[in-house]
Amino acid sequence: MIVTAVGLLALGTPKGWVQAGGPGLAFFLPEGADANTAEVWMYIDESPFGPKEDDKDFHSAIQSDIAGFKQHFPNGIVRVENSLDLPRVKQKAEVYTFESGEQHNAFEQTAYIEDLGRMWTLTLSAKSSAALARAMPAFRAFAQSYGGSIQMGSPPAK
C-alpha cells in the first residue's frame, strides 16, 4: 500500500526503485539515484471527475490532461499506446506517450486508471528516449500491480 494525501493505493513499489521526496502524490527513483540528477523517475497524481467537476467523465479527464500538455508544450507530440491490462482489478489503463520537444518533461509515458470518480495518473518521466525505454518494464509492472484504492471520504463497504 502506498499512502497519499488523498487515500491509500494498492500498488507495489517498482522493483529496483525507492519512494522519495518529489512531485505528485508519490514519487519514485531507481535505487541509488539522486533526485537532482536522475535520468528517469515515476510519480503518481490524480484528478477528480464527475457531475460537479470540470471533467464529467474519465475520458474527458484524459483529454484535459492532454490539452494541458499541448498548451504548455505547443510543439509536443502525444501518442496513444496500447491499453495496459490491470489484472488485479480486471480493467485496463489507457496509456499515452508524451514528448515535449524540450529538456523539461522530455519523454513521458502515462497510464490513466479510472477509480471511483477519480483518475489516477502513473507517469514514467525520462530525460531521453533510451532512459524511458530501459525503465519501461518496471513502469508497466508498477502499473499492473494496481489493486484499487481507499480514498478519503470513500463510503464504507457494505
N, C-alpha and C. Protein backbone atom coordinates (compact mmCIF):
# COMPACT_ATOMS: atom_id res chain seq x y z
N MET A 1 0.84 -1.18 0.00
CA MET A 1 0.00 0.00 0.00
C MET A 1 0.88 1.24 0.00
N ILE A 2 0.45 2.21 -0.79
CA ILE A 2 1.15 3.49 -0.84
C ILE A 2 0.20 4.54 -0.25
N VAL A 3 0.69 5.26 0.73
CA VAL A 3 -0.09 6.30 1.39
C VAL A 3 0.07 7.60 0.61
N THR A 4 -1.06 8.24 0.27
CA THR A 4 -1.03 9.54 -0.41
C THR A 4 -1.92 10.51 0.36
N ALA A 5 -1.91 11.76 -0.03
CA ALA A 5 -2.73 12.78 0.63
C ALA A 5 -4.22 12.56 0.39
N VAL A 6 -4.58 11.79 -0.64
CA VAL A 6 -6.00 11.58 -0.94
C VAL A 6 -6.48 10.17 -0.63
N GLY A 7 -5.60 9.33 -0.11
CA GLY A 7 -6.01 7.98 0.26
C GLY A 7 -4.89 6.98 0.11
N LEU A 8 -5.27 5.71 0.21
CA LEU A 8 -4.32 4.61 0.08
C LEU A 8 -4.46 3.97 -1.29
N LEU A 9 -3.34 3.65 -1.90
CA LEU A 9 -3.34 2.95 -3.18
C LEU A 9 -2.71 1.58 -3.00
N ALA A 10 -3.40 0.57 -3.52
CA ALA A 10 -2.83 -0.77 -3.52
C ALA A 10 -1.95 -0.87 -4.77
N LEU A 11 -0.68 -0.58 -4.57
CA LEU A 11 0.34 -0.61 -5.63
C LEU A 11 1.62 -1.10 -5.01
N GLY A 12 2.35 -1.89 -5.75
CA GLY A 12 3.66 -2.31 -5.27
C GLY A 12 4.72 -1.32 -5.71
N THR A 13 5.64 -0.97 -4.83
CA THR A 13 6.75 -0.11 -5.23
C THR A 13 7.49 -0.80 -6.36
N PRO A 14 7.83 -0.09 -7.42
CA PRO A 14 8.51 -0.72 -8.54
C PRO A 14 9.79 -1.43 -8.10
N LYS A 15 10.01 -2.63 -8.61
CA LYS A 15 11.21 -3.39 -8.26
C LYS A 15 12.45 -2.62 -8.71
N GLY A 16 13.39 -2.46 -7.78
CA GLY A 16 14.61 -1.72 -8.07
C GLY A 16 14.46 -0.22 -7.91
N TRP A 17 13.33 0.21 -7.37
CA TRP A 17 13.04 1.63 -7.19
C TRP A 17 12.73 1.89 -5.72
N VAL A 18 12.84 3.16 -5.30
CA VAL A 18 12.51 3.55 -3.93
C VAL A 18 11.64 4.80 -3.97
N GLN A 19 10.77 4.91 -2.97
CA GLN A 19 9.96 6.11 -2.85
C GLN A 19 10.82 7.22 -2.29
N ALA A 20 10.66 8.42 -2.83
CA ALA A 20 11.49 9.56 -2.43
C ALA A 20 10.63 10.82 -2.42
N GLY A 21 11.20 11.91 -1.95
CA GLY A 21 10.50 13.19 -2.00
C GLY A 21 10.54 13.73 -3.41
N GLY A 22 9.41 14.23 -3.88
CA GLY A 22 9.36 14.78 -5.23
C GLY A 22 7.94 15.15 -5.59
N PRO A 23 7.70 15.46 -6.85
CA PRO A 23 6.37 15.90 -7.26
C PRO A 23 5.33 14.77 -7.21
N GLY A 24 4.08 15.17 -7.22
CA GLY A 24 2.99 14.21 -7.25
C GLY A 24 2.62 13.72 -5.86
N LEU A 25 1.68 12.79 -5.82
CA LEU A 25 1.24 12.19 -4.56
C LEU A 25 2.24 11.19 -4.02
N ALA A 26 3.00 10.58 -4.91
CA ALA A 26 4.09 9.67 -4.54
C ALA A 26 5.11 9.74 -5.69
N PHE A 27 6.38 9.66 -5.34
CA PHE A 27 7.48 9.86 -6.29
C PHE A 27 8.49 8.74 -6.09
N PHE A 28 9.01 8.19 -7.19
CA PHE A 28 9.92 7.05 -7.12
C PHE A 28 11.15 7.28 -8.00
N LEU A 29 12.28 6.82 -7.48
CA LEU A 29 13.56 6.89 -8.20
C LEU A 29 14.18 5.50 -8.24
N PRO A 30 15.01 5.23 -9.26
CA PRO A 30 15.78 3.99 -9.21
C PRO A 30 16.66 3.98 -7.96
N GLU A 31 16.84 2.82 -7.35
CA GLU A 31 17.70 2.72 -6.17
C GLU A 31 19.05 3.36 -6.45
N GLY A 32 19.53 4.19 -5.52
CA GLY A 32 20.83 4.83 -5.65
C GLY A 32 20.84 6.10 -6.46
N ALA A 33 19.72 6.45 -7.12
CA ALA A 33 19.68 7.67 -7.93
C ALA A 33 19.43 8.89 -7.04
N ASP A 34 19.92 10.02 -7.48
CA ASP A 34 19.70 11.29 -6.80
C ASP A 34 18.60 12.04 -7.55
N ALA A 35 17.64 12.60 -6.83
CA ALA A 35 16.51 13.28 -7.45
C ALA A 35 16.95 14.44 -8.35
N ASN A 36 18.07 15.07 -8.03
CA ASN A 36 18.54 16.22 -8.82
C ASN A 36 19.20 15.82 -10.12
N THR A 37 19.70 14.59 -10.21
CA THR A 37 20.44 14.19 -11.40
C THR A 37 19.86 12.94 -12.08
N ALA A 38 18.77 12.41 -11.56
CA ALA A 38 18.21 11.17 -12.10
C ALA A 38 17.84 11.33 -13.58
N GLU A 39 18.07 10.28 -14.33
CA GLU A 39 17.71 10.24 -15.75
C GLU A 39 16.24 9.87 -15.94
N VAL A 40 15.66 9.22 -14.92
CA VAL A 40 14.31 8.69 -15.03
C VAL A 40 13.67 8.65 -13.65
N TRP A 41 12.36 8.82 -13.59
CA TRP A 41 11.62 8.77 -12.33
C TRP A 41 10.16 8.45 -12.64
N MET A 42 9.42 8.07 -11.61
CA MET A 42 7.99 7.80 -11.73
C MET A 42 7.26 8.59 -10.66
N TYR A 43 6.03 8.97 -10.97
CA TYR A 43 5.22 9.62 -9.95
C TYR A 43 3.74 9.31 -10.17
N ILE A 44 2.98 9.50 -9.10
CA ILE A 44 1.54 9.27 -9.12
C ILE A 44 0.85 10.60 -8.88
N ASP A 45 -0.21 10.84 -9.61
CA ASP A 45 -1.04 12.01 -9.37
C ASP A 45 -2.49 11.60 -9.59
N GLU A 46 -3.40 12.54 -9.38
CA GLU A 46 -4.82 12.21 -9.53
C GLU A 46 -5.61 13.43 -9.96
N SER A 47 -6.77 13.17 -10.54
CA SER A 47 -7.72 14.21 -10.92
C SER A 47 -9.12 13.68 -10.68
N PRO A 48 -9.95 14.45 -9.99
CA PRO A 48 -11.34 14.02 -9.83
C PRO A 48 -12.14 14.32 -11.10
N PHE A 49 -13.19 13.57 -11.32
CA PHE A 49 -14.13 13.87 -12.40
C PHE A 49 -15.52 13.50 -11.92
N GLY A 50 -16.52 14.04 -12.58
CA GLY A 50 -17.90 13.74 -12.23
C GLY A 50 -18.80 14.93 -12.44
N PRO A 51 -20.07 14.81 -12.05
CA PRO A 51 -21.06 15.85 -12.34
C PRO A 51 -20.72 17.23 -11.77
N LYS A 52 -20.00 17.28 -10.67
CA LYS A 52 -19.68 18.56 -10.03
C LYS A 52 -18.28 19.06 -10.40
N GLU A 53 -17.58 18.35 -11.28
CA GLU A 53 -16.21 18.70 -11.68
C GLU A 53 -16.20 19.28 -13.10
N ASP A 54 -15.10 19.94 -13.46
CA ASP A 54 -14.96 20.43 -14.84
C ASP A 54 -15.01 19.28 -15.83
N ASP A 55 -14.34 18.18 -15.49
CA ASP A 55 -14.35 16.99 -16.34
C ASP A 55 -15.44 16.06 -15.85
N LYS A 56 -16.38 15.75 -16.72
CA LYS A 56 -17.57 14.99 -16.33
C LYS A 56 -17.34 13.49 -16.30
N ASP A 57 -16.34 13.01 -17.04
CA ASP A 57 -16.08 11.57 -17.05
C ASP A 57 -14.58 11.30 -17.25
N PHE A 58 -14.22 10.04 -17.14
CA PHE A 58 -12.83 9.59 -17.23
C PHE A 58 -12.16 10.05 -18.52
N HIS A 59 -12.84 9.87 -19.65
CA HIS A 59 -12.22 10.21 -20.94
C HIS A 59 -12.04 11.72 -21.11
N SER A 60 -12.96 12.52 -20.59
CA SER A 60 -12.77 13.97 -20.67
C SER A 60 -11.63 14.40 -19.76
N ALA A 61 -11.41 13.70 -18.64
CA ALA A 61 -10.27 13.99 -17.76
C ALA A 61 -8.95 13.72 -18.48
N ILE A 62 -8.89 12.63 -19.23
CA ILE A 62 -7.69 12.33 -20.02
C ILE A 62 -7.47 13.43 -21.05
N GLN A 63 -8.54 13.80 -21.76
CA GLN A 63 -8.41 14.83 -22.80
C GLN A 63 -7.98 16.17 -22.20
N SER A 64 -8.43 16.49 -20.99
CA SER A 64 -8.00 17.71 -20.32
C SER A 64 -6.50 17.67 -20.02
N ASP A 65 -6.02 16.50 -19.60
CA ASP A 65 -4.60 16.34 -19.32
C ASP A 65 -3.79 16.54 -20.60
N ILE A 66 -4.24 15.95 -21.69
CA ILE A 66 -3.56 16.09 -22.98
C ILE A 66 -3.59 17.55 -23.43
N ALA A 67 -4.74 18.21 -23.29
CA ALA A 67 -4.85 19.61 -23.69
C ALA A 67 -3.91 20.49 -22.87
N GLY A 68 -3.78 20.20 -21.58
CA GLY A 68 -2.85 20.95 -20.74
C GLY A 68 -1.42 20.78 -21.19
N PHE A 69 -1.05 19.55 -21.56
CA PHE A 69 0.29 19.28 -22.08
C PHE A 69 0.53 20.07 -23.36
N LYS A 70 -0.44 20.02 -24.29
CA LYS A 70 -0.27 20.71 -25.58
C LYS A 70 -0.22 22.22 -25.40
N GLN A 71 -0.92 22.74 -24.41
CA GLN A 71 -0.88 24.17 -24.15
C GLN A 71 0.50 24.56 -23.60
N HIS A 72 1.03 23.73 -22.71
CA HIS A 72 2.34 24.01 -22.10
C HIS A 72 3.49 23.75 -23.08
N PHE A 73 3.32 22.75 -23.94
CA PHE A 73 4.36 22.37 -24.90
C PHE A 73 3.75 22.36 -26.31
N PRO A 74 3.62 23.53 -26.96
CA PRO A 74 2.93 23.62 -28.25
C PRO A 74 3.53 22.73 -29.34
N ASN A 75 4.82 22.45 -29.27
CA ASN A 75 5.45 21.59 -30.28
C ASN A 75 5.52 20.14 -29.83
N GLY A 76 4.88 19.84 -28.70
CA GLY A 76 4.92 18.48 -28.16
C GLY A 76 4.12 17.50 -29.00
N ILE A 77 4.45 16.24 -28.81
CA ILE A 77 3.79 15.14 -29.52
C ILE A 77 3.13 14.24 -28.49
N VAL A 78 1.91 13.81 -28.77
CA VAL A 78 1.17 12.88 -27.91
C VAL A 78 0.78 11.69 -28.76
N ARG A 79 1.12 10.49 -28.28
CA ARG A 79 0.75 9.25 -28.99
C ARG A 79 -0.06 8.35 -28.07
N VAL A 80 -1.14 7.82 -28.59
CA VAL A 80 -1.90 6.83 -27.84
C VAL A 80 -1.19 5.48 -28.01
N GLU A 81 -1.07 4.74 -26.93
CA GLU A 81 -0.41 3.43 -26.94
C GLU A 81 -1.47 2.35 -26.70
N ASN A 82 -1.07 1.11 -26.80
CA ASN A 82 -1.98 0.02 -26.44
C ASN A 82 -2.35 0.14 -24.97
N SER A 83 -3.61 -0.15 -24.67
CA SER A 83 -4.02 -0.11 -23.26
C SER A 83 -3.28 -1.21 -22.50
N LEU A 84 -3.24 -1.06 -21.20
CA LEU A 84 -2.49 -1.96 -20.33
C LEU A 84 -3.46 -2.70 -19.42
N ASP A 85 -3.41 -4.03 -19.44
CA ASP A 85 -4.26 -4.83 -18.56
C ASP A 85 -3.86 -4.63 -17.11
N LEU A 86 -4.86 -4.45 -16.26
CA LEU A 86 -4.67 -4.35 -14.82
C LEU A 86 -5.36 -5.57 -14.21
N PRO A 87 -4.64 -6.68 -14.10
CA PRO A 87 -5.28 -7.95 -13.73
C PRO A 87 -5.92 -7.97 -12.35
N ARG A 88 -5.39 -7.22 -11.39
CA ARG A 88 -5.93 -7.28 -10.03
C ARG A 88 -7.31 -6.63 -9.94
N VAL A 89 -7.62 -5.67 -10.82
CA VAL A 89 -8.92 -5.00 -10.78
C VAL A 89 -9.75 -5.30 -12.03
N LYS A 90 -9.22 -6.16 -12.89
CA LYS A 90 -9.92 -6.59 -14.10
C LYS A 90 -10.43 -5.42 -14.93
N GLN A 91 -9.52 -4.49 -15.21
CA GLN A 91 -9.82 -3.37 -16.10
C GLN A 91 -8.56 -3.03 -16.86
N LYS A 92 -8.64 -2.03 -17.70
CA LYS A 92 -7.49 -1.60 -18.49
C LYS A 92 -7.14 -0.16 -18.15
N ALA A 93 -5.88 0.16 -18.28
CA ALA A 93 -5.41 1.54 -18.15
C ALA A 93 -5.21 2.08 -19.56
N GLU A 94 -5.62 3.31 -19.79
CA GLU A 94 -5.34 4.00 -21.04
C GLU A 94 -3.90 4.51 -20.94
N VAL A 95 -3.12 4.36 -22.01
CA VAL A 95 -1.70 4.72 -21.97
C VAL A 95 -1.37 5.68 -23.11
N TYR A 96 -0.66 6.74 -22.76
CA TYR A 96 -0.23 7.74 -23.75
C TYR A 96 1.25 8.04 -23.52
N THR A 97 1.94 8.35 -24.62
CA THR A 97 3.33 8.80 -24.56
C THR A 97 3.36 10.27 -24.96
N PHE A 98 4.11 11.05 -24.19
CA PHE A 98 4.24 12.49 -24.40
C PHE A 98 5.71 12.81 -24.65
N GLU A 99 5.97 13.59 -25.68
CA GLU A 99 7.32 14.09 -25.95
C GLU A 99 7.20 15.60 -26.08
N SER A 100 7.84 16.32 -25.16
CA SER A 100 7.68 17.77 -25.11
C SER A 100 8.47 18.51 -26.19
N GLY A 101 9.54 17.89 -26.67
CA GLY A 101 10.42 18.60 -27.59
C GLY A 101 11.33 19.57 -26.86
N GLU A 102 11.31 19.53 -25.54
CA GLU A 102 12.13 20.42 -24.71
C GLU A 102 12.87 19.57 -23.67
N GLN A 103 13.76 20.19 -22.94
CA GLN A 103 14.51 19.46 -21.92
C GLN A 103 13.61 19.08 -20.75
N HIS A 104 12.64 19.94 -20.41
CA HIS A 104 11.71 19.70 -19.30
C HIS A 104 10.61 18.76 -19.79
N ASN A 105 10.33 17.71 -19.02
CA ASN A 105 9.31 16.71 -19.39
C ASN A 105 9.59 16.16 -20.78
N ALA A 106 10.84 15.86 -21.08
CA ALA A 106 11.24 15.47 -22.42
C ALA A 106 10.49 14.24 -22.92
N PHE A 107 10.47 13.17 -22.15
CA PHE A 107 9.82 11.93 -22.56
C PHE A 107 9.02 11.39 -21.39
N GLU A 108 7.74 11.16 -21.60
CA GLU A 108 6.90 10.61 -20.53
C GLU A 108 5.93 9.59 -21.10
N GLN A 109 5.62 8.62 -20.28
CA GLN A 109 4.52 7.71 -20.59
C GLN A 109 3.62 7.69 -19.37
N THR A 110 2.31 7.86 -19.61
CA THR A 110 1.35 7.93 -18.53
C THR A 110 0.29 6.85 -18.70
N ALA A 111 0.03 6.14 -17.61
CA ALA A 111 -1.08 5.19 -17.55
C ALA A 111 -2.19 5.86 -16.76
N TYR A 112 -3.36 5.96 -17.35
CA TYR A 112 -4.53 6.57 -16.72
C TYR A 112 -5.44 5.46 -16.22
N ILE A 113 -5.76 5.51 -14.93
CA ILE A 113 -6.58 4.46 -14.30
C ILE A 113 -7.84 5.10 -13.73
N GLU A 114 -8.98 4.58 -14.11
CA GLU A 114 -10.27 5.07 -13.61
C GLU A 114 -10.60 4.38 -12.30
N ASP A 115 -11.03 5.19 -11.29
CA ASP A 115 -11.34 4.61 -9.99
C ASP A 115 -12.25 5.55 -9.18
N LEU A 116 -13.50 5.19 -9.01
CA LEU A 116 -14.43 5.88 -8.11
C LEU A 116 -14.45 7.39 -8.28
N GLY A 117 -14.73 7.87 -9.49
CA GLY A 117 -14.80 9.30 -9.72
C GLY A 117 -13.47 10.01 -9.68
N ARG A 118 -12.41 9.26 -9.83
CA ARG A 118 -11.06 9.81 -9.77
C ARG A 118 -10.22 9.12 -10.85
N MET A 119 -9.34 9.89 -11.45
CA MET A 119 -8.40 9.35 -12.43
C MET A 119 -7.02 9.37 -11.80
N TRP A 120 -6.44 8.20 -11.62
CA TRP A 120 -5.05 8.11 -11.15
C TRP A 120 -4.16 8.18 -12.38
N THR A 121 -3.10 8.96 -12.29
CA THR A 121 -2.11 9.01 -13.36
C THR A 121 -0.79 8.50 -12.81
N LEU A 122 -0.31 7.45 -13.42
CA LEU A 122 1.00 6.89 -13.10
C LEU A 122 1.90 7.28 -14.27
N THR A 123 2.94 8.05 -13.98
CA THR A 123 3.78 8.60 -15.05
C THR A 123 5.23 8.19 -14.88
N LEU A 124 5.80 7.75 -15.98
CA LEU A 124 7.23 7.49 -16.10
C LEU A 124 7.80 8.66 -16.88
N SER A 125 8.76 9.36 -16.31
CA SER A 125 9.35 10.54 -16.94
C SER A 125 10.85 10.32 -17.10
N ALA A 126 11.39 10.72 -18.25
CA ALA A 126 12.81 10.49 -18.51
C ALA A 126 13.41 11.64 -19.31
N LYS A 127 14.71 11.76 -19.21
CA LYS A 127 15.43 12.81 -19.93
C LYS A 127 15.76 12.40 -21.36
N SER A 128 15.66 11.09 -21.67
CA SER A 128 15.97 10.62 -23.02
C SER A 128 15.04 9.46 -23.37
N SER A 129 14.90 9.22 -24.66
CA SER A 129 14.05 8.09 -25.08
C SER A 129 14.69 6.77 -24.67
N ALA A 130 16.01 6.70 -24.62
CA ALA A 130 16.69 5.46 -24.21
C ALA A 130 16.41 5.17 -22.73
N ALA A 131 16.48 6.20 -21.88
CA ALA A 131 16.19 6.01 -20.45
C ALA A 131 14.73 5.60 -20.26
N LEU A 132 13.83 6.18 -21.04
CA LEU A 132 12.41 5.80 -20.97
C LEU A 132 12.25 4.33 -21.32
N ALA A 133 12.87 3.91 -22.40
CA ALA A 133 12.77 2.51 -22.85
C ALA A 133 13.34 1.54 -21.82
N ARG A 134 14.46 1.89 -21.19
CA ARG A 134 15.07 1.00 -20.19
C ARG A 134 14.17 0.83 -18.97
N ALA A 135 13.45 1.89 -18.59
CA ALA A 135 12.60 1.84 -17.40
C ALA A 135 11.20 1.32 -17.69
N MET A 136 10.86 1.14 -18.94
CA MET A 136 9.50 0.74 -19.31
C MET A 136 9.05 -0.56 -18.65
N PRO A 137 9.85 -1.62 -18.60
CA PRO A 137 9.37 -2.84 -17.94
C PRO A 137 8.99 -2.61 -16.47
N ALA A 138 9.79 -1.84 -15.73
CA ALA A 138 9.47 -1.55 -14.33
C ALA A 138 8.19 -0.72 -14.23
N PHE A 139 8.02 0.23 -15.15
CA PHE A 139 6.82 1.06 -15.14
C PHE A 139 5.57 0.24 -15.42
N ARG A 140 5.63 -0.61 -16.39
CA ARG A 140 4.46 -1.43 -16.73
C ARG A 140 4.12 -2.39 -15.59
N ALA A 141 5.13 -2.99 -14.98
CA ALA A 141 4.88 -3.87 -13.83
C ALA A 141 4.28 -3.08 -12.67
N PHE A 142 4.76 -1.86 -12.47
CA PHE A 142 4.22 -0.98 -11.43
C PHE A 142 2.74 -0.71 -11.68
N ALA A 143 2.40 -0.30 -12.88
CA ALA A 143 1.00 -0.01 -13.21
C ALA A 143 0.14 -1.27 -13.07
N GLN A 144 0.65 -2.39 -13.52
CA GLN A 144 -0.13 -3.63 -13.47
C GLN A 144 -0.29 -4.16 -12.05
N SER A 145 0.47 -3.63 -11.10
CA SER A 145 0.29 -4.05 -9.71
C SER A 145 -0.89 -3.33 -9.04
N TYR A 146 -1.50 -2.37 -9.73
CA TYR A 146 -2.60 -1.60 -9.17
C TYR A 146 -3.74 -2.53 -8.74
N GLY A 147 -4.15 -2.36 -7.49
CA GLY A 147 -5.22 -3.21 -6.95
C GLY A 147 -6.37 -2.43 -6.35
N GLY A 148 -6.47 -1.14 -6.63
CA GLY A 148 -7.57 -0.34 -6.12
C GLY A 148 -7.10 0.70 -5.13
N SER A 149 -8.08 1.40 -4.55
CA SER A 149 -7.75 2.47 -3.62
C SER A 149 -8.76 2.54 -2.50
N ILE A 150 -8.34 3.17 -1.43
CA ILE A 150 -9.23 3.58 -0.35
C ILE A 150 -9.05 5.08 -0.28
N GLN A 151 -10.06 5.81 -0.74
CA GLN A 151 -9.96 7.25 -0.85
C GLN A 151 -10.53 7.92 0.38
N MET A 152 -9.97 9.08 0.71
CA MET A 152 -10.52 9.88 1.81
C MET A 152 -11.95 10.23 1.46
N GLY A 153 -12.86 9.96 2.37
CA GLY A 153 -14.28 10.25 2.13
C GLY A 153 -15.00 9.17 1.36
N SER A 154 -14.33 8.04 1.08
CA SER A 154 -14.99 6.94 0.38
C SER A 154 -16.09 6.38 1.27
N PRO A 155 -17.22 5.98 0.70
CA PRO A 155 -18.26 5.38 1.53
C PRO A 155 -17.78 4.04 2.08
N PRO A 156 -18.22 3.66 3.27
CA PRO A 156 -17.79 2.38 3.84
C PRO A 156 -18.34 1.23 3.01
N ALA A 157 -17.60 0.13 3.00
CA ALA A 157 -18.03 -1.08 2.29
C ALA A 157 -19.29 -1.63 2.95
N LYS A 158 -20.17 -2.18 2.12
CA LYS A 158 -21.42 -2.74 2.65
C LYS A 158 -21.28 -4.21 2.93
